[in-house]
Amino acid sequence: MPQGDGSARKVTHGRAQGYAKGVFAHEPCARPFQPGGAGRLRDCPDLRHLPQGGLSPGTACRRGGSGLMRTLTLASAAALALLSACSSGEEANPEAGASATATDAATPPGAASSLPGASPTVTMLTLDGLGDLTIGAPVPETSSFAQHGAQAPGSSCTIATSPDYPGVEGMVEVGQLRRIAVSQGSSVQLMEGIGAGSTEEEVRAAFPGFREEPHKYEEAPAKYLTQPGEDPRLRFEIGRDGKVRNMFVGVMPQLAYVESCG
């Protein structure tokens, strides 16, 4: 067989192998090139006008000599370029997916609290106390609450405040915390969601059995609402606007003091 036909056979078989490996975008050749058969040699169009995917299956070029080598070289280059592009795309996608997965995994549930506009953390007041303050116990030496001097000469009653709890005062008498007062402007709340600024209706809905007393200095609807029973307990001061002015937790008689330290 002439040299040109043998070269053409090699080219066609090379392309068939390329199809089988997925190098080219077309379907694999139905059968290898056979002289005089369906895969007959034919002249190729100008190389500058070859289809983007290369020659169609079962087609070989009859250019001979340097023309054939040029065809083989260009076809190989096109195949390598296509393979490189496909490989790059396949490698990029897993990396992008892995990056997205890593980002999702690195975001713990509840991270929304750090987003702009998220609600500030609410500190709970309980019958036992607030933070490291405990009703009936001394103020811890490591506490952020600092005690100030006696409110009256010869009195053992002092007030403790903390920059971490604006609007909150602790009343200390005879070395023990006897009452905690929460005023308007503080974000401290009870577990029921009641705090300074809540309405009287909200307080009564949450604590329907509280005892009502008239306000010492203001006319109704200002009043005091006090939890009945044993200490420690709750007490609310309602202003004339019908809202909680001060909220207290503590023990009697300090719980009912109208003035700080009596």
C-alpha atoms as a PDB file:
ATOM      1  CA  MET A   1       0.000   0.000   0.000  1.00  0.00           C
ATOM      2  CA  PRO A   2       1.328   3.493  -0.716  1.00  0.00           C
ATOM      3  CA  GLN A   3       2.910   5.400   2.127  1.00  0.00           C
ATOM      4  CA  GLY A   4       0.125   7.966   2.069  1.00  0.00           C
ATOM      5  CA  ASP A   5      -2.551   5.346   2.691  1.00  0.00           C
ATOM      6  CA  GLY A   6      -0.614   3.839   5.586  1.00  0.00           C
ATOM      7  CA  SER A   7      -0.219   7.254   7.173  1.00  0.00           C
ATOM      8  CA  ALA A   8      -3.899   7.910   6.678  1.00  0.00           C
ATOM      9  CA  ARG A   9      -4.692   4.638   8.423  1.00  0.00           C
ATOM     10  CA  LYS A  10      -2.560   5.689  11.386  1.00  0.00           C
ATOM     11  CA  VAL A  11      -4.243   9.071  11.520  1.00  0.00           C
ATOM     12  CA  THR A  12      -7.704   7.554  11.418  1.00  0.00           C
ATOM     13  CA  HIS A  13      -6.849   4.954  14.073  1.00  0.00           C
ATOM     14  CA  GLY A  14      -5.351   7.705  16.199  1.00  0.00           C
ATOM     15  CA  ARG A  15      -8.583   9.672  15.911  1.00  0.00           C
ATOM     16  CA  ALA A  16     -10.610   6.554  16.722  1.00  0.00           C
ATOM     17  CA  GLN A  17      -8.554   6.102  19.880  1.00  0.00           C
ATOM     18  CA  GLY A  18      -9.036   9.771  20.643  1.00  0.00           C
ATOM     19  CA  TYR A  19     -12.793   9.382  20.350  1.00  0.00           C
ATOM     20  CA  ALA A  20     -12.739   6.300  22.559  1.00  0.00           C
ATOM     21  CA  LYS A  21     -10.847   8.271  25.208  1.00  0.00           C
ATOM     22  CA  GLY A  22     -13.280  11.150  25.014  1.00  0.00           C
ATOM     23  CA  VAL A  23     -10.709  13.551  23.582  1.00  0.00           C
ATOM     24  CA  PHE A  24     -12.982  14.693  20.767  1.00  0.00           C
ATOM     25  CA  ALA A  25     -16.499  15.968  21.137  1.00  0.00           C
ATOM     26  CA  HIS A  26     -18.003  13.595  18.517  1.00  0.00           C
ATOM     27  CA  GLU A  27     -19.194  10.001  18.897  1.00  0.00           C
ATOM     28  CA  PRO A  28     -16.545   7.226  18.391  1.00  0.00           C
ATOM     29  CA  CYS A  29     -15.911   5.884  14.894  1.00  0.00           C
ATOM     30  CA  ALA A  30     -18.194   2.996  13.966  1.00  0.00           C
ATOM     31  CA  ARG A  31     -15.297   1.041  12.485  1.00  0.00           C
ATOM     32  CA  PRO A  32     -11.618   1.619  11.646  1.00  0.00           C
ATOM     33  CA  PHE A  33     -10.539   2.930   8.307  1.00  0.00           C
ATOM     34  CA  GLN A  34     -10.511   0.405   5.500  1.00  0.00           C
ATOM     35  CA  PRO A  35      -9.173   1.316   2.046  1.00  0.00           C
ATOM     36  CA  GLY A  36     -12.052   1.439  -0.391  1.00  0.00           C
ATOM     37  CA  GLY A  37     -14.595   1.074   2.406  1.00  0.00           C
ATOM     38  CA  ALA A  38     -16.853   3.468   4.233  1.00  0.00           C
ATOM     39  CA  GLY A  39     -13.865   5.267   5.653  1.00  0.00           C
ATOM     40  CA  ARG A  40     -12.523   6.136   2.187  1.00  0.00           C
ATOM     41  CA  LEU A  41      -9.872   8.811   1.987  1.00  0.00           C
ATOM     42  CA  ARG A  42     -11.032  12.158   0.707  1.00  0.00           C
ATOM     43  CA  ASP A  43      -9.537  15.572   0.376  1.00  0.00           C
ATOM     44  CA  CYS A  44      -9.838  17.720   3.468  1.00  0.00           C
ATOM     45  CA  PRO A  45     -11.072  21.297   3.331  1.00  0.00           C
ATOM     46  CA  ASP A  46      -8.661  24.073   3.931  1.00  0.00           C
ATOM     47  CA  LEU A  47      -7.175  23.666   7.409  1.00  0.00           C
ATOM     48  CA  ARG A  48      -8.206  27.185   8.329  1.00  0.00           C
ATOM     49  CA  HIS A  49     -11.860  26.190   7.929  1.00  0.00           C
ATOM     50  CA  LEU A  50     -11.869  22.934   9.872  1.00  0.00           C
ATOM     51  CA  PRO A  51     -14.817  22.562  12.270  1.00  0.00           C
ATOM     52  CA  GLN A  52     -14.058  23.508  15.836  1.00  0.00           C
ATOM     53  CA  GLY A  53     -14.311  19.890  16.994  1.00  0.00           C
ATOM     54  CA  GLY A  54     -11.879  18.697  14.277  1.00  0.00           C
ATOM     55  CA  LEU A  55     -12.594  16.246  11.463  1.00  0.00           C
ATOM     56  CA  SER A  56     -15.751  14.168  11.539  1.00  0.00           C
ATOM     57  CA  PRO A  57     -15.513  10.435  12.457  1.00  0.00           C
ATOM     58  CA  GLY A  58     -14.178   8.108   9.760  1.00  0.00           C
ATOM     59  CA  THR A  59     -12.516  10.935   7.775  1.00  0.00           C
ATOM     60  CA  ALA A  60      -8.803  11.063   7.043  1.00  0.00           C
ATOM     61  CA  CYS A  61      -6.819  13.624   5.071  1.00  0.00           C
ATOM     62  CA  ARG A  62      -4.964  12.877   1.901  1.00  0.00           C
ATOM     63  CA  ARG A  63      -2.417  15.632   1.769  1.00  0.00           C
ATOM     64  CA  GLY A  64       0.735  13.594   1.800  1.00  0.00           C
ATOM     65  CA  GLY A  65       4.134  14.540   3.067  1.00  0.00           C
ATOM     66  CA  SER A  66       4.346  17.748   5.064  1.00  0.00           C
ATOM     67  CA  GLY A  67       0.615  18.413   4.513  1.00  0.00           C
ATOM     68  CA  LEU A  68      -0.289  15.210   6.319  1.00  0.00           C
ATOM     69  CA  MET A  69       2.120  15.973   9.163  1.00  0.00           C
ATOM     70  CA  ARG A  70       0.676  19.462   9.431  1.00  0.00           C
ATOM     71  CA  THR A  71      -2.830  17.977   9.624  1.00  0.00           C
ATOM     72  CA  LEU A  72      -1.749  15.502  12.305  1.00  0.00           C
ATOM     73  CA  THR A  73       0.044  18.205  14.284  1.00  0.00           C
ATOM     74  CA  LEU A  74      -2.934  20.576  14.215  1.00  0.00           C
ATOM     75  CA  ALA A  75      -5.383  17.805  15.114  1.00  0.00           C
ATOM     76  CA  SER A  76      -3.184  16.728  18.031  1.00  0.00           C
ATOM     77  CA  ALA A  77      -2.829  20.317  19.226  1.00  0.00           C
ATOM     78  CA  ALA A  78      -6.586  20.835  19.033  1.00  0.00           C
ATOM     79  CA  ALA A  79      -7.181  17.612  20.965  1.00  0.00           C
ATOM     80  CA  LEU A  80      -4.695  18.590  23.668  1.00  0.00           C
ATOM     81  CA  ALA A  81      -6.223  22.064  23.956  1.00  0.00           C
ATOM     82  CA  LEU A  82      -9.712  20.598  24.266  1.00  0.00           C
ATOM     83  CA  LEU A  83      -8.550  18.046  26.834  1.00  0.00           C
ATOM     84  CA  SER A  84      -6.768  20.761  28.825  1.00  0.00           C
ATOM     85  CA  ALA A  85      -9.859  22.970  28.828  1.00  0.00           C
ATOM     86  CA  CYS A  86     -12.073  20.093  29.965  1.00  0.00           C
ATOM     87  CA  SER A  87      -9.618  19.104  32.690  1.00  0.00           C
ATOM     88  CA  SER A  88      -9.382  22.688  33.947  1.00  0.00           C
ATOM     89  CA  GLY A  89     -13.160  22.958  34.165  1.00  0.00           C
ATOM     90  CA  GLU A  90     -13.468  19.630  35.972  1.00  0.00           C
ATOM     91  CA  GLU A  91     -10.809  20.624  38.466  1.00  0.00           C
ATOM     92  CA  ALA A  92     -12.275  24.068  39.086  1.00  0.00           C
ATOM     93  CA  ASN A  93     -15.773  22.883  39.875  1.00  0.00           C
ATOM     94  CA  PRO A  94     -14.822  20.526  42.753  1.00  0.00           C
ATOM     95  CA  GLU A  95     -12.669  23.265  44.259  1.00  0.00           C
ATOM     96  CA  ALA A  96     -15.546  25.733  44.076  1.00  0.00           C
ATOM     97  CA  GLY A  97     -17.913  23.184  45.595  1.00  0.00           C
ATOM     98  CA  ALA A  98     -15.423  22.309  48.317  1.00  0.00           C
ATOM     99  CA  SER A  99     -14.907  25.996  49.078  1.00  0.00           C
ATOM    100  CA  ALA A 100     -18.656  26.565  49.376  1.00  0.00           C
ATOM    101  CA  THR A 101     -19.020  23.473  51.552  1.00  0.00           C
ATOM    102  CA  ALA A 102     -16.172  24.595  53.793  1.00  0.00           C
ATOM    103  CA  THR A 103     -17.742  28.033  54.137  1.00  0.00           C
ATOM    104  CA  ASP A 104     -21.087  26.521  55.086  1.00  0.00           C
ATOM    105  CA  ALA A 105     -19.458  24.156  57.567  1.00  0.00           C
ATOM    106  CA  ALA A 106     -17.453  27.001  59.099  1.00  0.00           C
ATOM    107  CA  THR A 107     -20.666  28.952  59.761  1.00  0.00           C
ATOM    108  CA  PRO A 108     -22.138  27.592  62.932  1.00  0.00           C
ATOM    109  CA  PRO A 109     -25.913  27.561  63.564  1.00  0.00           C
ATOM    110  CA  GLY A 110     -27.013  30.776  65.190  1.00  0.00           C
ATOM    111  CA  ALA A 111     -24.298  32.968  63.593  1.00  0.00           C
ATOM    112  CA  ALA A 112     -27.113  35.320  62.604  1.00  0.00           C
ATOM    113  CA  SER A 113     -26.759  36.885  66.026  1.00  0.00           C
ATOM    114  CA  SER A 114     -23.555  38.571  64.799  1.00  0.00           C
ATOM    115  CA  LEU A 115     -25.212  40.023  61.704  1.00  0.00           C
ATOM    116  CA  PRO A 116     -26.125  43.721  61.539  1.00  0.00           C
ATOM    117  CA  GLY A 117     -29.553  44.373  63.003  1.00  0.00           C
ATOM    118  CA  ALA A 118     -29.517  41.253  65.195  1.00  0.00           C
ATOM    119  CA  SER A 119     -31.208  41.604  68.590  1.00  0.00           C
ATOM    120  CA  PRO A 120     -28.813  42.220  71.525  1.00  0.00           C
ATOM    121  CA  THR A 121     -28.324  39.460  74.080  1.00  0.00           C
ATOM    122  CA  VAL A 122     -30.935  39.646  76.864  1.00  0.00           C
ATOM    123  CA  THR A 123     -29.740  39.155  80.471  1.00  0.00           C
ATOM    124  CA  MET A 124     -32.206  37.299  82.690  1.00  0.00           C
ATOM    125  CA  LEU A 125     -33.183  38.379  86.187  1.00  0.00           C
ATOM    126  CA  THR A 126     -34.335  35.515  88.417  1.00  0.00           C
ATOM    127  CA  LEU A 127     -35.481  35.154  92.028  1.00  0.00           C
ATOM    128  CA  ASP A 128     -31.956  33.966  92.822  1.00  0.00           C
ATOM    129  CA  GLY A 129     -30.229  37.032  91.428  1.00  0.00           C
ATOM    130  CA  LEU A 130     -28.510  38.436  88.351  1.00  0.00           C
ATOM    131  CA  GLY A 131     -25.199  37.379  86.828  1.00  0.00           C
ATOM    132  CA  ASP A 132     -22.776  36.693  89.686  1.00  0.00           C
ATOM    133  CA  LEU A 133     -25.030  38.486  92.203  1.00  0.00           C
ATOM    134  CA  THR A 134     -27.002  36.152  94.473  1.00  0.00           C
ATOM    135  CA  ILE A 135     -29.760  37.285  96.826  1.00  0.00           C
ATOM    136  CA  GLY A 136     -28.690  36.614 100.442  1.00  0.00           C
ATOM    137  CA  ALA A 137     -24.967  36.321  99.617  1.00  0.00           C
ATOM    138  CA  PRO A 138     -22.077  38.824  99.633  1.00  0.00           C
ATOM    139  CA  VAL A 139     -21.038  40.498  96.400  1.00  0.00           C
ATOM    140  CA  PRO A 140     -18.165  38.355  95.002  1.00  0.00           C
ATOM    141  CA  GLU A 141     -14.745  39.987  95.099  1.00  0.00           C
ATOM    142  CA  THR A 142     -14.301  39.160  91.418  1.00  0.00           C
ATOM    143  CA  SER A 143     -17.651  40.712  90.453  1.00  0.00           C
ATOM    144  CA  SER A 144     -17.857  43.735  88.182  1.00  0.00           C
ATOM    145  CA  PHE A 145     -20.296  45.210  90.714  1.00  0.00           C
ATOM    146  CA  ALA A 146     -18.541  47.669  93.023  1.00  0.00           C
ATOM    147  CA  GLN A 147     -20.031  48.826  96.324  1.00  0.00           C
ATOM    148  CA  HIS A 148     -20.322  52.505  97.059  1.00  0.00           C
ATOM    149  CA  GLY A 149     -20.317  54.207 100.453  1.00  0.00           C
ATOM    150  CA  ALA A 150     -23.187  54.039 102.916  1.00  0.00           C
ATOM    151  CA  GLN A 151     -26.270  56.009 101.903  1.00  0.00           C
ATOM    152  CA  ALA A 152     -26.672  57.488 105.390  1.00  0.00           C
ATOM    153  CA  PRO A 153     -24.285  58.043 108.317  1.00  0.00           C
ATOM    154  CA  GLY A 154     -24.127  54.982 110.543  1.00  0.00           C
ATOM    155  CA  SER A 155     -25.969  52.822 107.982  1.00  0.00           C
ATOM    156  CA  SER A 156     -24.684  49.453 106.863  1.00  0.00           C
ATOM    157  CA  CYS A 157     -26.611  49.724 103.588  1.00  0.00           C
ATOM    158  CA  THR A 158     -24.573  50.258 100.422  1.00  0.00           C
ATOM    159  CA  ILE A 159     -25.346  50.279  96.706  1.00  0.00           C
ATOM    160  CA  ALA A 160     -23.434  48.162  94.175  1.00  0.00           C
ATOM    161  CA  THR A 161     -23.331  49.057  90.474  1.00  0.00           C
ATOM    162  CA  SER A 162     -21.528  47.709  87.420  1.00  0.00           C
ATOM    163  CA  PRO A 163     -20.613  49.238  84.036  1.00  0.00           C
ATOM    164  CA  ASP A 164     -21.686  45.922  82.505  1.00  0.00           C
ATOM    165  CA  TYR A 165     -25.251  46.377  83.780  1.00  0.00           C
ATOM    166  CA  PRO A 166     -26.372  49.972  83.238  1.00  0.00           C
ATOM    167  CA  GLY A 167     -29.632  50.772  85.006  1.00  0.00           C
ATOM    168  CA  VAL A 168     -29.130  48.036  87.620  1.00  0.00           C
ATOM    169  CA  GLU A 169     -28.446  48.552  91.336  1.00  0.00           C
ATOM    170  CA  GLY A 170     -27.742  45.990  94.017  1.00  0.00           C
ATOM    171  CA  MET A 171     -28.653  46.828  97.619  1.00  0.00           C
ATOM    172  CA  VAL A 172     -26.235  45.377 100.177  1.00  0.00           C
ATOM    173  CA  GLU A 173     -27.027  45.407 103.890  1.00  0.00           C
ATOM    174  CA  VAL A 174     -25.003  43.799 106.655  1.00  0.00           C
ATOM    175  CA  GLY A 175     -22.693  42.362 104.018  1.00  0.00           C
ATOM    176  CA  GLN A 176     -25.404  40.555 102.066  1.00  0.00           C
ATOM    177  CA  LEU A 177     -27.204  41.363  98.836  1.00  0.00           C
ATOM    178  CA  ARG A 178     -30.818  42.050  99.791  1.00  0.00           C
ATOM    179  CA  ARG A 179     -32.350  43.518  96.639  1.00  0.00           C
ATOM    180  CA  ILE A 180     -31.689  44.069  92.937  1.00  0.00           C
ATOM    181  CA  ALA A 181     -33.411  46.985  91.193  1.00  0.00           C
ATOM    182  CA  VAL A 182     -33.767  47.244  87.397  1.00  0.00           C
ATOM    183  CA  SER A 183     -34.803  50.644  86.035  1.00  0.00           C
ATOM    184  CA  GLN A 184     -35.930  51.891  82.628  1.00  0.00           C
ATOM    185  CA  GLY A 185     -33.133  51.887  80.082  1.00  0.00           C
ATOM    186  CA  SER A 186     -31.871  48.450  81.137  1.00  0.00           C
ATOM    187  CA  SER A 187     -32.234  45.443  78.829  1.00  0.00           C
ATOM    188  CA  VAL A 188     -32.462  43.017  81.767  1.00  0.00           C
ATOM    189  CA  GLN A 189     -35.683  40.991  81.701  1.00  0.00           C
ATOM    190  CA  LEU A 190     -37.461  38.189  83.504  1.00  0.00           C
ATOM    191  CA  MET A 191     -37.875  34.809  81.839  1.00  0.00           C
ATOM    192  CA  GLU A 192     -41.439  35.848  80.976  1.00  0.00           C
ATOM    193  CA  GLY A 193     -40.101  38.731  78.873  1.00  0.00           C
ATOM    194  CA  ILE A 194     -41.180  41.370  81.405  1.00  0.00           C
ATOM    195  CA  GLY A 195     -38.795  44.226  82.125  1.00  0.00           C
ATOM    196  CA  ALA A 196     -38.622  47.941  82.810  1.00  0.00           C
ATOM    197  CA  GLY A 197     -40.881  49.608  80.247  1.00  0.00           C
ATOM    198  CA  SER A 198     -43.394  46.743  80.058  1.00  0.00           C
ATOM    199  CA  THR A 199     -47.048  47.699  80.487  1.00  0.00           C
ATOM    200  CA  GLU A 200     -49.146  46.991  83.563  1.00  0.00           C
ATOM    201  CA  GLU A 201     -51.358  44.760  81.412  1.00  0.00           C
ATOM    202  CA  GLU A 202     -48.350  42.657  80.431  1.00  0.00           C
ATOM    203  CA  VAL A 203     -47.304  42.336  84.077  1.00  0.00           C
ATOM    204  CA  ARG A 204     -50.774  41.284  85.217  1.00  0.00           C
ATOM    205  CA  ALA A 205     -51.063  38.785  82.374  1.00  0.00           C
ATOM    206  CA  ALA A 206     -47.771  37.158  83.404  1.00  0.00           C
ATOM    207  CA  PHE A 207     -48.357  37.474  87.183  1.00  0.00           C
ATOM    208  CA  PRO A 208     -52.115  37.626  87.825  1.00  0.00           C
ATOM    209  CA  GLY A 209     -51.903  37.058  91.607  1.00  0.00           C
ATOM    210  CA  PHE A 210     -49.691  39.996  92.575  1.00  0.00           C
ATOM    211  CA  ARG A 211     -50.878  42.231  95.408  1.00  0.00           C
ATOM    212  CA  GLU A 212     -51.621  45.868  94.485  1.00  0.00           C
ATOM    213  CA  GLU A 213     -50.609  48.830  96.686  1.00  0.00           C
ATOM    214  CA  PRO A 214     -51.045  52.574  96.031  1.00  0.00           C
ATOM    215  CA  HIS A 215     -47.958  54.538  95.045  1.00  0.00           C
ATOM    216  CA  LYS A 216     -46.386  56.508  97.881  1.00  0.00           C
ATOM    217  CA  TYR A 217     -45.834  59.719  95.894  1.00  0.00           C
ATOM    218  CA  GLU A 218     -47.961  59.556  92.737  1.00  0.00           C
ATOM    219  CA  GLU A 219     -51.636  59.232  91.956  1.00  0.00           C
ATOM    220  CA  ALA A 220     -53.216  56.286  90.160  1.00  0.00           C
ATOM    221  CA  PRO A 221     -52.687  54.592  87.880  1.00  0.00           C
ATOM    222  CA  ALA A 222     -49.232  54.632  89.555  1.00  0.00           C
ATOM    223  CA  LYS A 223     -48.963  51.729  92.004  1.00  0.00           C
ATOM    224  CA  TYR A 224     -46.879  48.821  93.311  1.00  0.00           C
ATOM    225  CA  LEU A 225     -47.501  45.189  92.404  1.00  0.00           C
ATOM    226  CA  THR A 226     -45.841  42.737  94.797  1.00  0.00           C
ATOM    227  CA  GLN A 227     -45.579  38.962  94.667  1.00  0.00           C
ATOM    228  CA  PRO A 228     -47.219  37.300  97.680  1.00  0.00           C
ATOM    229  CA  GLY A 229     -45.579  34.458  99.566  1.00  0.00           C
ATOM    230  CA  GLU A 230     -42.087  33.815 100.810  1.00  0.00           C
ATOM    231  CA  ASP A 231     -38.821  35.514  99.994  1.00  0.00           C
ATOM    232  CA  PRO A 232     -37.192  36.051  97.620  1.00  0.00           C
ATOM    233  CA  ARG A 233     -39.925  37.590  95.468  1.00  0.00           C
ATOM    234  CA  LEU A 234     -40.748  40.157  92.807  1.00  0.00           C
ATOM    235  CA  ARG A 235     -42.066  43.698  93.031  1.00  0.00           C
ATOM    236  CA  PHE A 236     -42.964  46.196  90.286  1.00  0.00           C
ATOM    237  CA  GLU A 237     -43.305  49.957  90.456  1.00  0.00           C
ATOM    238  CA  ILE A 238     -45.863  51.156  87.890  1.00  0.00           C
ATOM    239  CA  GLY A 239     -45.694  54.804  86.832  1.00  0.00           C
ATOM    240  CA  ARG A 240     -48.542  57.114  85.893  1.00  0.00           C
ATOM    241  CA  ASP A 241     -47.990  56.164  82.263  1.00  0.00           C
ATOM    242  CA  GLY A 242     -49.047  52.600  83.097  1.00  0.00           C
ATOM    243  CA  LYS A 243     -45.560  51.167  82.490  1.00  0.00           C
ATOM    244  CA  VAL A 244     -42.980  49.491  84.722  1.00  0.00           C
ATOM    245  CA  ARG A 245     -40.643  52.139  86.078  1.00  0.00           C
ATOM    246  CA  ASN A 246     -38.642  49.824  88.309  1.00  0.00           C
ATOM    247  CA  MET A 247     -38.525  46.055  88.733  1.00  0.00           C
ATOM    248  CA  PHE A 248     -37.187  44.489  91.938  1.00  0.00           C
ATOM    249  CA  VAL A 249     -36.220  41.053  93.230  1.00  0.00           C
ATOM    250  CA  GLY A 250     -35.205  40.499  96.837  1.00  0.00           C
ATOM    251  CA  VAL A 251     -36.315  39.930 100.405  1.00  0.00           C
ATOM    252  CA  MET A 252     -38.401  41.953 102.830  1.00  0.00           C
ATOM    253  CA  PRO A 253     -38.181  44.551 104.213  1.00  0.00           C
ATOM    254  CA  GLN A 254     -35.573  45.837 101.732  1.00  0.00           C
ATOM    255  CA  LEU A 255     -37.696  44.727  98.773  1.00  0.00           C
ATOM    256  CA  ALA A 256     -40.379  47.292  99.712  1.00  0.00           C
ATOM    257  CA  TYR A 257     -38.026  50.203 100.381  1.00  0.00           C
ATOM    258  CA  VAL A 258     -39.275  53.194  98.414  1.00  0.00           C
ATOM    259  CA  GLU A 259     -35.971  55.017  98.727  1.00  0.00           C
ATOM    260  CA  SER A 260     -32.604  53.382  98.155  1.00  0.00           C
ATOM    261  CA  CYS A 261     -31.447  51.915 101.466  1.00  0.00           C
ATOM    262  CA  GLY A 262     -34.772  52.922 103.095  1.00  0.00           C
END
